[in-house]
C-alpha atoms as a PDB file:
ATOM      1  CA  MET A   1     -55.915  48.817 224.779  1.00  0.00           C
ATOM      2  CA  LYS A   2     -53.679  46.367 222.964  1.00  0.00           C
ATOM      3  CA  LEU A   3     -52.734  44.771 226.303  1.00  0.00           C
ATOM      4  CA  PHE A   4     -56.439  44.311 227.219  1.00  0.00           C
ATOM      5  CA  ALA A   5     -57.147  42.753 223.826  1.00  0.00           C
ATOM      6  CA  THR A   6     -54.239  40.350 224.296  1.00  0.00           C
ATOM      7  CA  TYR A   7     -55.520  39.255 227.744  1.00  0.00           C
ATOM      8  CA  PHE A   8     -59.086  38.892 226.410  1.00  0.00           C
ATOM      9  CA  LEU A   9     -57.964  36.705 223.500  1.00  0.00           C
ATOM     10  CA  ALA A  10     -55.896  34.515 225.812  1.00  0.00           C
ATOM     11  CA  ALA A  11     -58.836  34.057 228.191  1.00  0.00           C
ATOM     12  CA  LEU A  12     -61.135  33.205 225.306  1.00  0.00           C
ATOM     13  CA  LEU A  13     -58.784  30.555 223.983  1.00  0.00           C
ATOM     14  CA  ALA A  14     -58.514  29.028 227.459  1.00  0.00           C
ATOM     15  CA  VAL A  15     -62.272  28.333 227.648  1.00  0.00           C
ATOM     16  CA  PRO A  16     -62.979  24.724 226.530  1.00  0.00           C
ATOM     17  CA  ALA A  17     -65.360  24.266 223.646  1.00  0.00           C
ATOM     18  CA  VAL A  18     -68.932  23.378 224.742  1.00  0.00           C
ATOM     19  CA  SER A  19     -70.093  20.168 223.127  1.00  0.00           C
ATOM     20  CA  SER A  20     -73.623  19.777 221.841  1.00  0.00           C
ATOM     21  CA  HIS A  21     -74.228  17.182 224.583  1.00  0.00           C
ATOM     22  CA  ALA A  22     -73.123  19.617 227.319  1.00  0.00           C
ATOM     23  CA  ALA A  23     -75.325  22.258 225.760  1.00  0.00           C
ATOM     24  CA  GLY A  24     -78.418  20.225 226.410  1.00  0.00           C
ATOM     25  CA  GLU A  25     -78.412  17.295 223.996  1.00  0.00           C
ATOM     26  CA  ALA A  26     -78.063  14.249 226.210  1.00  0.00           C
ATOM     27  CA  ALA A  27     -76.206  11.327 224.680  1.00  0.00           C
ATOM     28  CA  PRO A  28     -78.619   8.521 223.808  1.00  0.00           C
ATOM     29  CA  ALA A  29     -78.573   5.770 226.398  1.00  0.00           C
ATOM     30  CA  LYS A  30     -77.123   2.538 225.092  1.00  0.00           C
ATOM     31  CA  VAL A  31     -79.556  -0.355 225.184  1.00  0.00           C
ATOM     32  CA  ALA A  32     -77.855  -3.450 226.526  1.00  0.00           C
ATOM     33  CA  LYS A  33     -77.948  -6.407 224.166  1.00  0.00           C
ATOM     34  CA  PRO A  34     -79.477  -9.597 225.536  1.00  0.00           C
ATOM     35  CA  ASP A  35     -76.990 -12.073 226.938  1.00  0.00           C
ATOM     36  CA  LEU A  36     -78.013 -15.263 225.151  1.00  0.00           C
ATOM     37  CA  VAL A  37     -75.595 -17.421 227.143  1.00  0.00           C
ATOM     38  CA  ASN A  38     -77.277 -16.285 230.355  1.00  0.00           C
ATOM     39  CA  GLY A  39     -80.661 -16.659 228.669  1.00  0.00           C
ATOM     40  CA  GLU A  40     -80.001 -20.300 227.832  1.00  0.00           C
ATOM     41  CA  ALA A  41     -78.659 -21.034 231.325  1.00  0.00           C
ATOM     42  CA  LYS A  42     -81.622 -19.399 233.069  1.00  0.00           C
ATOM     43  CA  PHE A  43     -84.147 -21.009 230.726  1.00  0.00           C
ATOM     44  CA  SER A  44     -82.637 -24.454 231.319  1.00  0.00           C
ATOM     45  CA  ALA A  45     -82.701 -23.962 235.084  1.00  0.00           C
ATOM     46  CA  VAL A  46     -86.076 -22.276 235.503  1.00  0.00           C
ATOM     47  CA  CYS A  47     -88.276 -22.850 232.429  1.00  0.00           C
ATOM     48  CA  ALA A  48     -87.303 -26.008 230.548  1.00  0.00           C
ATOM     49  CA  ALA A  49     -89.038 -28.496 232.862  1.00  0.00           C
ATOM     50  CA  CYS A  50     -92.459 -27.159 231.846  1.00  0.00           C
ATOM     51  CA  HIS A  51     -91.789 -25.494 228.490  1.00  0.00           C
ATOM     52  CA  GLY A  52     -89.348 -27.935 226.875  1.00  0.00           C
ATOM     53  CA  ALA A  53     -85.587 -27.704 226.424  1.00  0.00           C
ATOM     54  CA  ASP A  54     -86.016 -25.642 223.253  1.00  0.00           C
ATOM     55  CA  GLY A  55     -89.228 -23.845 224.190  1.00  0.00           C
ATOM     56  CA  ASN A  56     -91.485 -26.453 222.586  1.00  0.00           C
ATOM     57  CA  SER A  57     -93.594 -27.698 225.458  1.00  0.00           C
ATOM     58  CA  GLY A  58     -94.677 -31.304 225.202  1.00  0.00           C
ATOM     59  CA  THR A  59     -97.549 -30.759 227.641  1.00  0.00           C
ATOM     60  CA  PRO A  60    -100.682 -29.249 226.048  1.00  0.00           C
ATOM     61  CA  VAL A  61    -101.561 -27.109 229.076  1.00  0.00           C
ATOM     62  CA  ASN A  62     -98.137 -25.423 229.030  1.00  0.00           C
ATOM     63  CA  PRO A  63     -97.550 -23.007 226.168  1.00  0.00           C
ATOM     64  CA  LYS A  64     -94.904 -23.291 223.506  1.00  0.00           C
ATOM     65  CA  LEU A  65     -92.541 -20.328 223.884  1.00  0.00           C
ATOM     66  CA  ALA A  66     -90.267 -20.975 220.916  1.00  0.00           C
ATOM     67  CA  GLN A  67     -90.403 -18.254 218.241  1.00  0.00           C
ATOM     68  CA  GLN A  68     -92.653 -16.062 220.378  1.00  0.00           C
ATOM     69  CA  HIS A  69     -91.969 -12.334 220.173  1.00  0.00           C
ATOM     70  CA  PRO A  70     -89.422 -11.529 222.913  1.00  0.00           C
ATOM     71  CA  GLU A  71     -91.083  -8.237 223.843  1.00  0.00           C
ATOM     72  CA  TYR A  72     -94.312 -10.102 224.551  1.00  0.00           C
ATOM     73  CA  LEU A  73     -92.523 -12.675 226.688  1.00  0.00           C
ATOM     74  CA  VAL A  74     -90.778  -9.973 228.729  1.00  0.00           C
ATOM     75  CA  LYS A  75     -94.130  -8.268 229.341  1.00  0.00           C
ATOM     76  CA  GLN A  76     -95.739 -11.502 230.521  1.00  0.00           C
ATOM     77  CA  LEU A  77     -92.859 -12.376 232.857  1.00  0.00           C
ATOM     78  CA  LYS A  78     -92.980  -8.930 234.431  1.00  0.00           C
ATOM     79  CA  GLU A  79     -96.737  -9.203 234.890  1.00  0.00           C
ATOM     80  CA  PHE A  80     -96.443 -12.664 236.442  1.00  0.00           C
ATOM     81  CA  LYS A  81     -93.824 -11.309 238.837  1.00  0.00           C
ATOM     82  CA  SER A  82     -95.935  -8.299 239.833  1.00  0.00           C
ATOM     83  CA  GLY A  83     -99.161 -10.306 240.069  1.00  0.00           C
ATOM     84  CA  VAL A  84    -100.902  -8.387 237.288  1.00  0.00           C
ATOM     85  CA  ARG A  85    -101.235 -11.717 235.500  1.00  0.00           C
ATOM     86  CA  LYS A  86    -102.239 -14.191 238.155  1.00  0.00           C
ATOM     87  CA  ASN A  87    -100.645 -17.612 238.239  1.00  0.00           C
ATOM     88  CA  PRO A  88     -99.054 -18.767 241.511  1.00  0.00           C
ATOM     89  CA  ILE A  89     -96.661 -21.177 239.796  1.00  0.00           C
ATOM     90  CA  MET A  90     -95.428 -18.641 237.253  1.00  0.00           C
ATOM     91  CA  GLN A  91     -95.231 -15.899 239.861  1.00  0.00           C
ATOM     92  CA  GLY A  92     -92.929 -18.101 241.902  1.00  0.00           C
ATOM     93  CA  PHE A  93     -90.601 -18.686 238.966  1.00  0.00           C
ATOM     94  CA  ALA A  94     -90.726 -15.098 237.675  1.00  0.00           C
ATOM     95  CA  SER A  95     -89.923 -13.715 241.106  1.00  0.00           C
ATOM     96  CA  GLN A  96     -86.497 -15.365 240.815  1.00  0.00           C
ATOM     97  CA  LEU A  97     -85.664 -13.364 237.687  1.00  0.00           C
ATOM     98  CA  SER A  98     -84.252  -9.876 237.269  1.00  0.00           C
ATOM     99  CA  ASP A  99     -85.346  -7.666 234.377  1.00  0.00           C
ATOM    100  CA  ALA A 100     -82.089  -8.563 232.605  1.00  0.00           C
ATOM    101  CA  ASP A 101     -82.761 -12.294 233.109  1.00  0.00           C
ATOM    102  CA  MET A 102     -86.235 -11.902 231.619  1.00  0.00           C
ATOM    103  CA  LYS A 103     -84.823 -10.165 228.560  1.00  0.00           C
ATOM    104  CA  ASP A 104     -82.052 -12.733 228.123  1.00  0.00           C
ATOM    105  CA  ILE A 105     -84.467 -15.672 228.424  1.00  0.00           C
ATOM    106  CA  SER A 106     -87.022 -14.126 226.087  1.00  0.00           C
ATOM    107  CA  PHE A 107     -84.570 -13.380 223.300  1.00  0.00           C
ATOM    108  CA  TRP A 108     -82.930 -16.797 223.624  1.00  0.00           C
ATOM    109  CA  VAL A 109     -86.156 -18.805 223.384  1.00  0.00           C
ATOM    110  CA  ALA A 110     -87.571 -16.514 220.682  1.00  0.00           C
ATOM    111  CA  ALA A 111     -84.697 -17.597 218.441  1.00  0.00           C
ATOM    112  CA  LYS A 112     -85.787 -21.245 218.664  1.00  0.00           C
ATOM    113  CA  LYS A 113     -88.078 -22.597 215.974  1.00  0.00           C
ATOM    114  CA  ILE A 114     -91.585 -23.597 216.990  1.00  0.00           C
ATOM    115  CA  LYS A 115     -92.678 -27.124 216.184  1.00  0.00           C
ATOM    116  CA  PRO A 116     -95.851 -27.055 214.052  1.00  0.00           C
ATOM    117  CA  GLY A 117     -99.150 -28.115 215.522  1.00  0.00           C
ATOM    118  CA  PHE A 118    -102.227 -29.617 213.924  1.00  0.00           C
ATOM    119  CA  ALA A 119    -105.975 -29.064 214.032  1.00  0.00           C
ATOM    120  CA  LYS A 120    -107.696 -32.184 215.343  1.00  0.00           C
ATOM    121  CA  GLU A 121    -111.449 -31.550 215.347  1.00  0.00           C
ATOM    122  CA  LYS A 122    -112.626 -31.503 211.730  1.00  0.00           C
ATOM    123  CA  ASP A 123    -116.174 -30.557 212.672  1.00  0.00           C
ATOM    124  CA  LEU A 124    -114.942 -27.388 214.386  1.00  0.00           C
ATOM    125  CA  VAL A 125    -112.045 -26.252 212.233  1.00  0.00           C
ATOM    126  CA  VAL A 126    -114.314 -24.614 209.640  1.00  0.00           C
ATOM    127  CA  LEU A 127    -116.014 -22.561 212.339  1.00  0.00           C
ATOM    128  CA  GLY A 128    -112.647 -21.665 213.836  1.00  0.00           C
ATOM    129  CA  GLU A 129    -111.294 -20.503 210.495  1.00  0.00           C
ATOM    130  CA  ARG A 130    -114.379 -18.406 209.831  1.00  0.00           C
ATOM    131  CA  ILE A 131    -114.095 -16.562 213.154  1.00  0.00           C
ATOM    132  CA  TYR A 132    -110.308 -16.210 212.986  1.00  0.00           C
ATOM    133  CA  ARG A 133    -110.326 -14.749 209.485  1.00  0.00           C
ATOM    134  CA  GLY A 134    -113.619 -12.892 209.386  1.00  0.00           C
ATOM    135  CA  GLY A 135    -114.909 -12.452 212.925  1.00  0.00           C
ATOM    136  CA  VAL A 136    -118.636 -12.479 213.673  1.00  0.00           C
ATOM    137  CA  SER A 137    -120.111  -9.256 212.330  1.00  0.00           C
ATOM    138  CA  ASP A 138    -123.572  -9.469 213.883  1.00  0.00           C
ATOM    139  CA  ARG A 139    -121.997  -9.784 217.371  1.00  0.00           C
ATOM    140  CA  GLN A 140    -119.206  -7.316 216.689  1.00  0.00           C
ATOM    141  CA  ILE A 141    -116.466  -9.888 217.159  1.00  0.00           C
ATOM    142  CA  ALA A 142    -113.359  -8.748 215.323  1.00  0.00           C
ATOM    143  CA  ALA A 143    -111.321 -11.128 213.162  1.00  0.00           C
ATOM    144  CA  CYS A 144    -108.335 -12.511 215.073  1.00  0.00           C
ATOM    145  CA  ALA A 145    -106.228 -12.239 211.922  1.00  0.00           C
ATOM    146  CA  GLY A 146    -106.427  -8.457 212.085  1.00  0.00           C
ATOM    147  CA  CYS A 147    -104.092  -8.380 215.080  1.00  0.00           C
ATOM    148  CA  HIS A 148    -102.459 -11.798 215.095  1.00  0.00           C
ATOM    149  CA  ASN A 149    -101.771 -12.086 211.343  1.00  0.00           C
ATOM    150  CA  PRO A 150    -103.507 -14.485 208.915  1.00  0.00           C
ATOM    151  CA  THR A 151    -100.763 -17.060 209.537  1.00  0.00           C
ATOM    152  CA  GLY A 152    -100.838 -16.586 213.311  1.00  0.00           C
ATOM    153  CA  ALA A 153     -97.389 -14.958 213.290  1.00  0.00           C
ATOM    154  CA  GLY A 154     -98.580 -12.040 215.422  1.00  0.00           C
ATOM    155  CA  ASN A 155     -97.184  -8.529 215.394  1.00  0.00           C
ATOM    156  CA  PRO A 156     -93.862  -7.959 217.208  1.00  0.00           C
ATOM    157  CA  ALA A 157     -94.091  -5.885 220.400  1.00  0.00           C
ATOM    158  CA  GLN A 158     -97.877  -5.682 220.142  1.00  0.00           C
ATOM    159  CA  TYR A 159     -99.633  -9.001 219.528  1.00  0.00           C
ATOM    160  CA  PRO A 160     -98.282 -12.471 220.324  1.00  0.00           C
ATOM    161  CA  ARG A 161     -97.647 -15.286 217.917  1.00  0.00           C
ATOM    162  CA  LEU A 162    -100.508 -17.822 218.035  1.00  0.00           C
ATOM    163  CA  GLY A 163     -99.840 -20.207 215.152  1.00  0.00           C
ATOM    164  CA  GLY A 164     -98.919 -23.724 216.264  1.00  0.00           C
ATOM    165  CA  GLN A 165     -99.811 -23.149 219.909  1.00  0.00           C
ATOM    166  CA  HIS A 166    -101.364 -26.033 221.856  1.00  0.00           C
ATOM    167  CA  ALA A 167    -105.151 -25.915 221.497  1.00  0.00           C
ATOM    168  CA  ASP A 168    -105.643 -26.724 225.186  1.00  0.00           C
ATOM    169  CA  TYR A 169    -103.542 -23.742 226.231  1.00  0.00           C
ATOM    170  CA  THR A 170    -105.195 -21.326 223.786  1.00  0.00           C
ATOM    171  CA  ALA A 171    -108.660 -22.432 224.867  1.00  0.00           C
ATOM    172  CA  ALA A 172    -107.731 -21.982 228.528  1.00  0.00           C
ATOM    173  CA  GLN A 173    -106.494 -18.434 227.899  1.00  0.00           C
ATOM    174  CA  LEU A 174    -109.578 -17.413 225.924  1.00  0.00           C
ATOM    175  CA  THR A 175    -111.791 -18.851 228.651  1.00  0.00           C
ATOM    176  CA  GLY A 176    -109.721 -17.050 231.273  1.00  0.00           C
ATOM    177  CA  PHE A 177    -110.116 -13.735 229.468  1.00  0.00           C
ATOM    178  CA  ARG A 178    -113.862 -14.309 229.061  1.00  0.00           C
ATOM    179  CA  ASP A 179    -114.439 -15.307 232.674  1.00  0.00           C
ATOM    180  CA  GLY A 180    -112.295 -12.566 234.187  1.00  0.00           C
ATOM    181  CA  VAL A 181    -109.598 -14.931 235.467  1.00  0.00           C
ATOM    182  CA  ARG A 182    -106.946 -13.414 233.208  1.00  0.00           C
ATOM    183  CA  GLN A 183    -107.108  -9.627 233.394  1.00  0.00           C
ATOM    184  CA  ASN A 184    -103.905  -8.297 231.835  1.00  0.00           C
ATOM    185  CA  ASN A 185    -105.339  -7.376 228.426  1.00  0.00           C
ATOM    186  CA  LEU A 186    -108.565  -5.373 228.185  1.00  0.00           C
ATOM    187  CA  GLN A 187    -108.845  -5.818 224.427  1.00  0.00           C
ATOM    188  CA  MET A 188    -108.773  -9.597 224.712  1.00  0.00           C
ATOM    189  CA  THR A 189    -111.214  -9.533 227.623  1.00  0.00           C
ATOM    190  CA  GLN A 190    -113.680  -7.616 225.462  1.00  0.00           C
ATOM    191  CA  VAL A 191    -113.294  -9.991 222.511  1.00  0.00           C
ATOM    192  CA  ALA A 192    -113.452 -13.211 224.532  1.00  0.00           C
ATOM    193  CA  ALA A 193    -116.510 -12.009 226.449  1.00  0.00           C
ATOM    194  CA  LYS A 194    -118.553 -12.534 223.276  1.00  0.00           C
ATOM    195  CA  LEU A 195    -117.389 -16.097 222.577  1.00  0.00           C
ATOM    196  CA  ASN A 196    -119.161 -19.258 223.703  1.00  0.00           C
ATOM    197  CA  ASP A 197    -117.420 -22.506 224.648  1.00  0.00           C
ATOM    198  CA  ARG A 198    -117.835 -24.081 221.211  1.00  0.00           C
ATOM    199  CA  GLU A 199    -116.398 -21.033 219.454  1.00  0.00           C
ATOM    200  CA  ILE A 200    -113.439 -20.985 221.822  1.00  0.00           C
ATOM    201  CA  ARG A 201    -112.700 -24.649 221.153  1.00  0.00           C
ATOM    202  CA  ALA A 202    -113.053 -24.083 217.416  1.00  0.00           C
ATOM    203  CA  LEU A 203    -110.683 -21.117 217.426  1.00  0.00           C
ATOM    204  CA  ALA A 204    -108.129 -22.927 219.566  1.00  0.00           C
ATOM    205  CA  ASP A 205    -108.153 -25.984 217.308  1.00  0.00           C
ATOM    206  CA  TYR A 206    -107.824 -23.904 214.140  1.00  0.00           C
ATOM    207  CA  ILE A 207    -104.982 -21.832 215.610  1.00  0.00           C
ATOM    208  CA  ALA A 208    -103.049 -24.993 216.508  1.00  0.00           C
ATOM    209  CA  GLY A 209    -102.772 -25.811 212.818  1.00  0.00           C
ATOM    210  CA  LEU A 210    -101.736 -22.362 211.624  1.00  0.00           C
ATOM    211  CA  ARG A 211     -98.229 -21.974 210.213  1.00  0.00           C
END
């Protein structure tokens, strides 16, 4: 009996301890940090010609990307690449990028400071402010500030930064949502569907001056 107990104890000691991970708790996957050196190189090669060397586009029809939420930028690049967001020029550029490139670019340009914009149409800015901050209750148009922040700073990973964006670009996107040209955000399609041309221009002009 003593001999059996000795063998049993020896066998027990020879069995390696079972870690909590081996027992079913998988180790959390490490999320790779963005490579900002690669992000700058890719942005300079692929994006800077249209969006500016630091993400501040000098052309009103091309959006400023500086200080935009990186998660939002990654989403848009992926949707350009897949064709969910339709734009032949952007699809061509996005198709050159891997998921890692998109992340690197987005985090690099998000760290750049946006250059402030200015409202230009005084007769419309009051209307734009009223819709942005309070919506239009009798037509069930929600206030833009509820999602995009009173200062236009947006909400990371959910709603993009708007403040300081070119009015021409913002107006084009709202019109695209309203007319069914841009179809990658149902919520914005539903909001824009209720806006007329004057209201879109007023919102876009007001947003350009937000900071």
